[in-house]
Amino acid sequence: MKNLGWLFLALGVAVLSVSCTGGGPRLFGAPTVNAAGFSNASLSGGFGFADSGETFGTAGIKFAETGVLTFDGAGSFRGTATMNNGGMSCTAIVTGTYSINPDGSGSAMVTQTPDAASSARGCTMVTFPAALGLSAGGAQIQFVELSTLEILSGLALKQ
């Protein structure tokens, strides 16, 4: 029985050794990104999106939002959004620009301008930078806000 224990220990060390030296799945080191060939043209057409987040500060406000966007394949987008902003409903026109890298990562600058009724309720225009990640061949966008004012993350799916 004692020899059987040593056999299992040796087998375990051998498997771990193969895994760490390239003979098996990678356990350590930088991940391999296989995406290539993306560009601004990879992001075109209509997308539905949803996101949520929270503003920073003493009166942190939680919010959730949904809407639709149309990307032109050349670096611009436009759409509409409706947000529950701490219990207040805000509807806005969304405009912006984006840039997609060959690996499917990217960035955007987003501006949300409230409609007249939302503005009268106290909703304000916001502009923020975002980081993007394309997947499913450009049919899906993961995004996060890159500002010091709030935290936001969301997902957009091609319509």
N, C-alpha and C. Protein backbone atom coordinates (compact mmCIF):
# COMPACT_ATOMS: atom_id res chain seq x y z
N MET A 1 0.80 -1.19 0.00
CA MET A 1 0.00 0.00 0.00
C MET A 1 0.85 1.26 0.00
N LYS A 2 1.96 1.22 0.72
CA LYS A 2 2.83 2.36 0.80
C LYS A 2 3.38 2.72 -0.59
N ASN A 3 3.76 1.71 -1.37
CA ASN A 3 4.27 1.94 -2.72
C ASN A 3 3.21 2.53 -3.64
N LEU A 4 1.95 2.16 -3.46
CA LEU A 4 0.84 2.69 -4.26
C LEU A 4 0.69 4.19 -4.02
N GLY A 5 0.84 4.64 -2.79
CA GLY A 5 0.78 6.06 -2.46
C GLY A 5 1.86 6.84 -3.16
N TRP A 6 3.09 6.29 -3.16
CA TRP A 6 4.18 6.96 -3.85
C TRP A 6 3.95 7.01 -5.35
N LEU A 7 3.33 5.98 -5.90
CA LEU A 7 3.03 5.95 -7.32
C LEU A 7 2.07 7.06 -7.69
N PHE A 8 1.00 7.25 -6.89
CA PHE A 8 0.03 8.31 -7.16
C PHE A 8 0.68 9.70 -7.01
N LEU A 9 1.55 9.87 -6.03
CA LEU A 9 2.25 11.14 -5.85
C LEU A 9 3.14 11.43 -7.06
N ALA A 10 3.87 10.44 -7.52
CA ALA A 10 4.75 10.62 -8.68
C ALA A 10 3.94 10.93 -9.93
N LEU A 11 2.82 10.26 -10.10
CA LEU A 11 1.95 10.50 -11.25
C LEU A 11 1.40 11.92 -11.22
N GLY A 12 1.00 12.38 -10.04
CA GLY A 12 0.49 13.75 -9.89
C GLY A 12 1.54 14.79 -10.23
N VAL A 13 2.77 14.60 -9.78
CA VAL A 13 3.86 15.52 -10.08
C VAL A 13 4.15 15.50 -11.58
N ALA A 14 4.10 14.36 -12.20
CA ALA A 14 4.35 14.26 -13.64
C ALA A 14 3.28 15.01 -14.43
N VAL A 15 2.02 14.86 -14.04
CA VAL A 15 0.93 15.55 -14.74
C VAL A 15 1.08 17.06 -14.58
N LEU A 16 1.38 17.51 -13.36
CA LEU A 16 1.57 18.93 -13.11
C LEU A 16 2.76 19.46 -13.92
N SER A 17 3.82 18.69 -14.00
CA SER A 17 5.00 19.09 -14.76
C SER A 17 4.67 19.25 -16.23
N VAL A 18 3.94 18.33 -16.81
CA VAL A 18 3.56 18.41 -18.22
C VAL A 18 2.66 19.61 -18.44
N SER A 19 1.72 19.86 -17.52
CA SER A 19 0.81 20.99 -17.67
C SER A 19 1.55 22.31 -17.63
N CYS A 20 2.57 22.43 -16.80
CA CYS A 20 3.29 23.69 -16.64
C CYS A 20 4.34 23.92 -17.71
N THR A 21 4.71 22.91 -18.47
CA THR A 21 5.78 23.07 -19.46
C THR A 21 5.26 23.05 -20.89
N GLY A 22 3.97 23.17 -21.07
CA GLY A 22 3.44 23.27 -22.42
C GLY A 22 2.89 21.98 -22.97
N GLY A 23 3.00 20.88 -22.24
CA GLY A 23 2.47 19.62 -22.72
C GLY A 23 0.99 19.45 -22.43
N GLY A 24 0.39 20.41 -21.83
CA GLY A 24 -1.03 20.33 -21.48
C GLY A 24 -1.62 21.71 -21.38
N PRO A 25 -2.76 21.86 -20.71
CA PRO A 25 -3.38 23.18 -20.58
C PRO A 25 -2.46 24.15 -19.85
N ARG A 26 -2.51 25.43 -20.22
CA ARG A 26 -1.68 26.44 -19.58
C ARG A 26 -2.28 26.83 -18.24
N LEU A 27 -1.45 26.76 -17.21
CA LEU A 27 -1.89 27.17 -15.88
C LEU A 27 -1.37 28.55 -15.52
N PHE A 28 -0.23 28.94 -16.08
CA PHE A 28 0.39 30.20 -15.74
C PHE A 28 0.76 30.93 -17.02
N GLY A 29 0.97 32.24 -16.94
CA GLY A 29 1.41 33.01 -18.08
C GLY A 29 0.27 33.78 -18.70
N ALA A 30 0.61 34.58 -19.68
CA ALA A 30 -0.37 35.43 -20.34
C ALA A 30 -1.32 34.59 -21.19
N PRO A 31 -2.61 34.95 -21.18
CA PRO A 31 -3.55 34.21 -22.01
C PRO A 31 -3.30 34.50 -23.49
N THR A 32 -3.64 33.57 -24.33
CA THR A 32 -3.51 33.74 -25.76
C THR A 32 -4.81 34.32 -26.30
N VAL A 33 -4.72 35.43 -27.02
CA VAL A 33 -5.88 36.04 -27.65
C VAL A 33 -5.86 35.63 -29.11
N ASN A 34 -6.91 34.97 -29.56
CA ASN A 34 -6.96 34.48 -30.92
C ASN A 34 -7.69 35.40 -31.88
N ALA A 35 -8.30 36.47 -31.35
CA ALA A 35 -9.06 37.37 -32.21
C ALA A 35 -8.11 38.17 -33.10
N ALA A 36 -8.53 38.41 -34.31
CA ALA A 36 -7.78 39.24 -35.24
C ALA A 36 -8.70 39.66 -36.37
N GLY A 37 -8.35 40.74 -37.01
CA GLY A 37 -9.09 41.17 -38.18
C GLY A 37 -10.30 42.03 -37.89
N PHE A 38 -10.48 42.48 -36.64
CA PHE A 38 -11.58 43.39 -36.33
C PHE A 38 -11.20 44.81 -36.75
N SER A 39 -12.21 45.64 -36.99
CA SER A 39 -12.01 47.05 -37.32
C SER A 39 -13.32 47.78 -37.00
N ASN A 40 -13.35 49.07 -37.25
CA ASN A 40 -14.61 49.82 -37.05
C ASN A 40 -15.74 49.22 -37.86
N ALA A 41 -15.43 48.68 -39.03
CA ALA A 41 -16.45 48.08 -39.88
C ALA A 41 -17.08 46.84 -39.25
N SER A 42 -16.39 46.24 -38.27
CA SER A 42 -16.94 45.05 -37.59
C SER A 42 -18.14 45.40 -36.72
N LEU A 43 -18.31 46.67 -36.43
CA LEU A 43 -19.39 47.12 -35.56
C LEU A 43 -20.34 47.97 -36.39
N SER A 44 -21.39 47.33 -36.90
CA SER A 44 -22.37 48.06 -37.71
C SER A 44 -23.75 47.44 -37.52
N GLY A 45 -24.75 48.27 -37.71
CA GLY A 45 -26.14 47.82 -37.58
C GLY A 45 -26.71 48.10 -36.20
N GLY A 46 -27.90 47.54 -35.98
CA GLY A 46 -28.63 47.80 -34.75
C GLY A 46 -28.27 46.84 -33.62
N PHE A 47 -28.22 47.36 -32.41
CA PHE A 47 -27.94 46.59 -31.20
C PHE A 47 -28.91 47.01 -30.11
N GLY A 48 -29.37 46.04 -29.33
CA GLY A 48 -30.11 46.34 -28.11
C GLY A 48 -29.14 46.19 -26.96
N PHE A 49 -29.27 47.06 -25.95
CA PHE A 49 -28.31 46.99 -24.84
C PHE A 49 -29.00 47.16 -23.50
N ALA A 50 -28.31 46.73 -22.48
CA ALA A 50 -28.71 46.95 -21.09
C ALA A 50 -27.45 47.14 -20.27
N ASP A 51 -27.50 48.04 -19.31
CA ASP A 51 -26.37 48.24 -18.41
C ASP A 51 -26.89 48.68 -17.05
N SER A 52 -26.00 48.66 -16.09
CA SER A 52 -26.34 49.14 -14.75
C SER A 52 -25.08 49.60 -14.07
N GLY A 53 -25.26 50.39 -13.02
CA GLY A 53 -24.11 50.90 -12.30
C GLY A 53 -24.52 51.74 -11.12
N GLU A 54 -23.55 52.51 -10.65
CA GLU A 54 -23.77 53.37 -9.49
C GLU A 54 -22.85 54.57 -9.56
N THR A 55 -23.38 55.74 -9.21
CA THR A 55 -22.55 56.94 -9.15
C THR A 55 -21.74 56.92 -7.86
N PHE A 56 -20.57 57.57 -7.88
CA PHE A 56 -19.73 57.67 -6.70
C PHE A 56 -20.09 58.94 -5.93
N GLY A 57 -19.68 59.01 -4.71
CA GLY A 57 -19.91 60.20 -3.89
C GLY A 57 -20.74 59.87 -2.67
N THR A 58 -21.02 60.90 -1.88
CA THR A 58 -21.76 60.69 -0.64
C THR A 58 -23.19 60.23 -0.90
N ALA A 59 -23.78 60.68 -1.99
CA ALA A 59 -25.15 60.27 -2.32
C ALA A 59 -25.11 59.35 -3.53
N GLY A 60 -24.40 58.23 -3.42
CA GLY A 60 -24.30 57.28 -4.53
C GLY A 60 -25.69 56.86 -5.01
N ILE A 61 -25.91 56.94 -6.31
CA ILE A 61 -27.21 56.61 -6.90
C ILE A 61 -27.05 55.39 -7.80
N LYS A 62 -27.86 54.38 -7.58
CA LYS A 62 -27.85 53.20 -8.45
C LYS A 62 -28.75 53.48 -9.65
N PHE A 63 -28.36 52.91 -10.79
CA PHE A 63 -29.15 53.10 -12.00
C PHE A 63 -29.11 51.86 -12.87
N ALA A 64 -30.10 51.75 -13.72
CA ALA A 64 -30.17 50.68 -14.73
C ALA A 64 -30.75 51.31 -15.99
N GLU A 65 -30.32 50.79 -17.14
CA GLU A 65 -30.68 51.43 -18.39
C GLU A 65 -30.84 50.39 -19.49
N THR A 66 -31.69 50.70 -20.45
CA THR A 66 -31.84 49.85 -21.63
C THR A 66 -32.09 50.76 -22.83
N GLY A 67 -31.78 50.25 -24.02
CA GLY A 67 -32.01 51.06 -25.21
C GLY A 67 -31.54 50.35 -26.46
N VAL A 68 -31.51 51.12 -27.54
CA VAL A 68 -31.07 50.61 -28.83
C VAL A 68 -30.06 51.59 -29.43
N LEU A 69 -29.08 51.05 -30.13
CA LEU A 69 -28.05 51.85 -30.78
C LEU A 69 -27.86 51.35 -32.20
N THR A 70 -27.51 52.25 -33.10
CA THR A 70 -27.16 51.89 -34.46
C THR A 70 -25.73 52.37 -34.72
N PHE A 71 -24.86 51.43 -35.08
CA PHE A 71 -23.47 51.72 -35.38
C PHE A 71 -23.31 51.80 -36.89
N ASP A 72 -22.54 52.79 -37.38
CA ASP A 72 -22.43 53.01 -38.83
C ASP A 72 -21.28 52.27 -39.49
N GLY A 73 -20.46 51.54 -38.73
CA GLY A 73 -19.33 50.81 -39.32
C GLY A 73 -18.15 51.70 -39.64
N ALA A 74 -18.27 53.01 -39.34
CA ALA A 74 -17.20 53.95 -39.66
C ALA A 74 -16.75 54.75 -38.44
N GLY A 75 -17.25 54.40 -37.24
CA GLY A 75 -16.79 55.07 -36.02
C GLY A 75 -17.80 55.94 -35.31
N SER A 76 -19.06 55.92 -35.72
CA SER A 76 -20.09 56.72 -35.04
C SER A 76 -21.30 55.85 -34.71
N PHE A 77 -22.06 56.26 -33.69
CA PHE A 77 -23.30 55.57 -33.35
C PHE A 77 -24.32 56.56 -32.83
N ARG A 78 -25.58 56.11 -32.85
CA ARG A 78 -26.71 56.93 -32.42
C ARG A 78 -27.81 56.01 -31.94
N GLY A 79 -28.60 56.47 -30.98
CA GLY A 79 -29.71 55.66 -30.51
C GLY A 79 -30.51 56.35 -29.43
N THR A 80 -31.28 55.55 -28.70
CA THR A 80 -32.09 56.07 -27.60
C THR A 80 -31.91 55.16 -26.39
N ALA A 81 -32.13 55.74 -25.21
CA ALA A 81 -32.01 54.98 -23.97
C ALA A 81 -33.02 55.47 -22.96
N THR A 82 -33.48 54.57 -22.11
CA THR A 82 -34.33 54.92 -20.98
C THR A 82 -33.65 54.38 -19.74
N MET A 83 -33.52 55.25 -18.73
CA MET A 83 -32.78 54.90 -17.52
C MET A 83 -33.65 55.10 -16.29
N ASN A 84 -33.54 54.17 -15.35
CA ASN A 84 -34.06 54.37 -14.00
C ASN A 84 -32.87 54.87 -13.21
N ASN A 85 -32.88 56.14 -12.89
CA ASN A 85 -31.76 56.79 -12.24
C ASN A 85 -32.13 57.09 -10.79
N GLY A 86 -31.94 56.11 -9.92
CA GLY A 86 -32.30 56.27 -8.51
C GLY A 86 -33.78 56.48 -8.31
N GLY A 87 -34.60 55.87 -9.17
CA GLY A 87 -36.06 56.01 -9.06
C GLY A 87 -36.64 57.05 -10.00
N MET A 88 -35.80 57.86 -10.65
CA MET A 88 -36.27 58.86 -11.60
C MET A 88 -36.08 58.32 -13.02
N SER A 89 -37.12 58.40 -13.83
CA SER A 89 -37.06 57.92 -15.21
C SER A 89 -36.47 59.01 -16.11
N CYS A 90 -35.45 58.64 -16.88
CA CYS A 90 -34.81 59.57 -17.82
C CYS A 90 -34.73 58.91 -19.19
N THR A 91 -35.22 59.61 -20.21
CA THR A 91 -35.12 59.14 -21.59
C THR A 91 -34.16 60.07 -22.32
N ALA A 92 -33.27 59.49 -23.13
CA ALA A 92 -32.23 60.31 -23.76
C ALA A 92 -31.92 59.85 -25.18
N ILE A 93 -31.41 60.79 -25.96
CA ILE A 93 -30.79 60.48 -27.25
C ILE A 93 -29.33 60.17 -26.93
N VAL A 94 -28.83 59.07 -27.49
CA VAL A 94 -27.44 58.65 -27.25
C VAL A 94 -26.67 58.81 -28.56
N THR A 95 -25.53 59.49 -28.49
CA THR A 95 -24.65 59.65 -29.64
C THR A 95 -23.23 59.37 -29.21
N GLY A 96 -22.37 59.10 -30.17
CA GLY A 96 -20.98 58.89 -29.81
C GLY A 96 -20.11 58.44 -30.95
N THR A 97 -18.86 58.23 -30.60
CA THR A 97 -17.86 57.73 -31.54
C THR A 97 -17.20 56.50 -30.93
N TYR A 98 -16.63 55.66 -31.79
CA TYR A 98 -15.95 54.46 -31.31
C TYR A 98 -14.77 54.13 -32.21
N SER A 99 -13.86 53.32 -31.67
CA SER A 99 -12.70 52.84 -32.40
C SER A 99 -12.46 51.39 -31.99
N ILE A 100 -12.37 50.50 -32.97
CA ILE A 100 -12.17 49.07 -32.71
C ILE A 100 -10.77 48.66 -33.15
N ASN A 101 -10.04 47.98 -32.26
CA ASN A 101 -8.70 47.47 -32.54
C ASN A 101 -8.78 46.11 -33.26
N PRO A 102 -7.71 45.69 -33.93
CA PRO A 102 -7.71 44.41 -34.64
C PRO A 102 -8.06 43.20 -33.77
N ASP A 103 -7.79 43.26 -32.46
CA ASP A 103 -8.09 42.13 -31.58
C ASP A 103 -9.53 42.14 -31.04
N GLY A 104 -10.34 43.14 -31.43
CA GLY A 104 -11.73 43.21 -30.98
C GLY A 104 -11.94 44.07 -29.76
N SER A 105 -10.86 44.58 -29.16
CA SER A 105 -11.01 45.53 -28.06
C SER A 105 -11.26 46.90 -28.68
N GLY A 106 -11.69 47.84 -27.88
CA GLY A 106 -11.93 49.16 -28.43
C GLY A 106 -12.30 50.18 -27.38
N SER A 107 -12.63 51.37 -27.86
CA SER A 107 -13.01 52.45 -26.96
C SER A 107 -14.14 53.24 -27.60
N ALA A 108 -14.84 53.99 -26.75
CA ALA A 108 -15.94 54.83 -27.24
C ALA A 108 -16.04 56.06 -26.36
N MET A 109 -16.62 57.12 -26.91
CA MET A 109 -16.99 58.30 -26.16
C MET A 109 -18.51 58.43 -26.34
N VAL A 110 -19.23 58.42 -25.23
CA VAL A 110 -20.70 58.36 -25.24
C VAL A 110 -21.27 59.66 -24.68
N THR A 111 -22.30 60.20 -25.34
CA THR A 111 -23.03 61.36 -24.83
C THR A 111 -24.51 61.01 -24.80
N GLN A 112 -25.13 61.25 -23.65
CA GLN A 112 -26.56 61.03 -23.47
C GLN A 112 -27.21 62.37 -23.19
N THR A 113 -28.12 62.80 -24.08
CA THR A 113 -28.80 64.08 -23.96
C THR A 113 -30.27 63.81 -23.66
N PRO A 114 -30.76 64.21 -22.47
CA PRO A 114 -32.15 63.92 -22.10
C PRO A 114 -33.14 64.66 -22.99
N ASP A 115 -34.30 64.03 -23.22
CA ASP A 115 -35.36 64.71 -23.95
C ASP A 115 -35.93 65.81 -23.05
N ALA A 116 -36.82 66.65 -23.59
CA ALA A 116 -37.34 67.82 -22.86
C ALA A 116 -38.05 67.43 -21.57
N ALA A 117 -38.90 66.39 -21.61
CA ALA A 117 -39.63 65.98 -20.41
C ALA A 117 -38.67 65.48 -19.33
N SER A 118 -37.65 64.71 -19.73
CA SER A 118 -36.67 64.20 -18.77
C SER A 118 -35.84 65.34 -18.20
N SER A 119 -35.47 66.27 -19.04
CA SER A 119 -34.70 67.43 -18.60
C SER A 119 -35.50 68.23 -17.57
N ALA A 120 -36.81 68.40 -17.79
CA ALA A 120 -37.67 69.12 -16.85
C ALA A 120 -37.74 68.42 -15.50
N ARG A 121 -37.57 67.09 -15.49
CA ARG A 121 -37.58 66.32 -14.23
C ARG A 121 -36.24 66.36 -13.51
N GLY A 122 -35.22 66.93 -14.14
CA GLY A 122 -33.91 67.02 -13.49
C GLY A 122 -32.85 66.12 -14.08
N CYS A 123 -33.16 65.39 -15.14
CA CYS A 123 -32.16 64.55 -15.81
C CYS A 123 -31.18 65.47 -16.54
N THR A 124 -29.90 65.13 -16.50
CA THR A 124 -28.88 65.98 -17.11
C THR A 124 -28.10 65.23 -18.18
N MET A 125 -27.46 66.00 -19.06
CA MET A 125 -26.62 65.41 -20.09
C MET A 125 -25.36 64.83 -19.44
N VAL A 126 -24.94 63.66 -19.91
CA VAL A 126 -23.70 63.05 -19.44
C VAL A 126 -22.86 62.62 -20.63
N THR A 127 -21.56 62.75 -20.48
CA THR A 127 -20.59 62.29 -21.47
C THR A 127 -19.54 61.49 -20.73
N PHE A 128 -19.21 60.30 -21.28
CA PHE A 128 -18.21 59.47 -20.61
C PHE A 128 -17.48 58.58 -21.60
N PRO A 129 -16.23 58.24 -21.27
CA PRO A 129 -15.47 57.28 -22.08
C PRO A 129 -15.82 55.85 -21.66
N ALA A 130 -15.69 54.93 -22.60
CA ALA A 130 -15.97 53.52 -22.31
C ALA A 130 -14.94 52.63 -22.99
N ALA A 131 -14.72 51.47 -22.41
CA ALA A 131 -13.90 50.43 -23.02
C ALA A 131 -14.86 49.38 -23.58
N LEU A 132 -14.53 48.83 -24.75
CA LEU A 132 -15.38 47.86 -25.44
C LEU A 132 -14.64 46.56 -25.67
N GLY A 133 -15.38 45.49 -25.76
CA GLY A 133 -14.84 44.20 -26.18
C GLY A 133 -15.87 43.53 -27.07
N LEU A 134 -15.50 43.22 -28.31
CA LEU A 134 -16.42 42.54 -29.24
C LEU A 134 -16.26 41.04 -29.12
N SER A 135 -17.36 40.33 -29.26
CA SER A 135 -17.31 38.87 -29.32
C SER A 135 -18.38 38.41 -30.29
N ALA A 136 -18.44 37.11 -30.51
CA ALA A 136 -19.39 36.51 -31.45
C ALA A 136 -19.27 37.17 -32.83
N GLY A 137 -18.04 37.42 -33.27
CA GLY A 137 -17.80 38.00 -34.58
C GLY A 137 -18.31 39.42 -34.73
N GLY A 138 -18.48 40.12 -33.62
CA GLY A 138 -18.98 41.50 -33.65
C GLY A 138 -20.47 41.60 -33.37
N ALA A 139 -21.12 40.48 -33.07
CA ALA A 139 -22.56 40.49 -32.79
C ALA A 139 -22.86 40.76 -31.32
N GLN A 140 -21.82 40.89 -30.52
CA GLN A 140 -21.99 41.11 -29.08
C GLN A 140 -20.92 42.10 -28.61
N ILE A 141 -21.32 43.06 -27.75
CA ILE A 141 -20.40 44.05 -27.22
C ILE A 141 -20.49 44.04 -25.70
N GLN A 142 -19.37 43.85 -25.04
CA GLN A 142 -19.30 44.05 -23.59
C GLN A 142 -18.67 45.43 -23.40
N PHE A 143 -19.18 46.19 -22.43
CA PHE A 143 -18.63 47.52 -22.24
C PHE A 143 -18.61 47.91 -20.77
N VAL A 144 -17.66 48.78 -20.43
CA VAL A 144 -17.55 49.37 -19.10
C VAL A 144 -17.23 50.84 -19.25
N GLU A 145 -17.74 51.63 -18.31
CA GLU A 145 -17.43 53.05 -18.29
C GLU A 145 -16.05 53.27 -17.69
N LEU A 146 -15.33 54.25 -18.21
CA LEU A 146 -14.00 54.57 -17.71
C LEU A 146 -14.00 56.01 -17.19
N SER A 147 -14.72 56.25 -16.12
CA SER A 147 -14.73 57.60 -15.56
C SER A 147 -14.56 57.52 -14.05
N THR A 148 -14.28 58.65 -13.46
CA THR A 148 -14.14 58.71 -12.01
C THR A 148 -15.46 59.07 -11.34
N LEU A 149 -16.53 59.28 -12.12
CA LEU A 149 -17.81 59.71 -11.57
C LEU A 149 -18.75 58.57 -11.22
N GLU A 150 -18.62 57.46 -11.93
CA GLU A 150 -19.52 56.34 -11.69
C GLU A 150 -18.91 55.07 -12.25
N ILE A 151 -19.53 53.96 -11.89
CA ILE A 151 -19.15 52.65 -12.43
C ILE A 151 -20.35 52.11 -13.20
N LEU A 152 -20.11 51.59 -14.38
CA LEU A 152 -21.17 51.09 -15.26
C LEU A 152 -20.62 49.92 -16.05
N SER A 153 -21.41 48.89 -16.23
CA SER A 153 -21.03 47.79 -17.13
C SER A 153 -22.29 47.30 -17.82
N GLY A 154 -22.12 46.76 -19.03
CA GLY A 154 -23.28 46.30 -19.75
C GLY A 154 -22.93 45.42 -20.93
N LEU A 155 -23.98 45.04 -21.63
CA LEU A 155 -23.89 44.12 -22.77
C LEU A 155 -24.84 44.60 -23.86
N ALA A 156 -24.38 44.55 -25.11
CA ALA A 156 -25.23 44.88 -26.26
C ALA A 156 -25.21 43.69 -27.20
N LEU A 157 -26.39 43.36 -27.74
CA LEU A 157 -26.54 42.25 -28.67
C LEU A 157 -27.11 42.75 -29.99
N LYS A 158 -26.56 42.21 -31.09
CA LYS A 158 -27.03 42.60 -32.42
C LYS A 158 -28.48 42.21 -32.58
N GLN A 159 -29.26 43.12 -33.16
CA GLN A 159 -30.70 42.89 -33.36
C GLN A 159 -30.91 41.99 -34.56
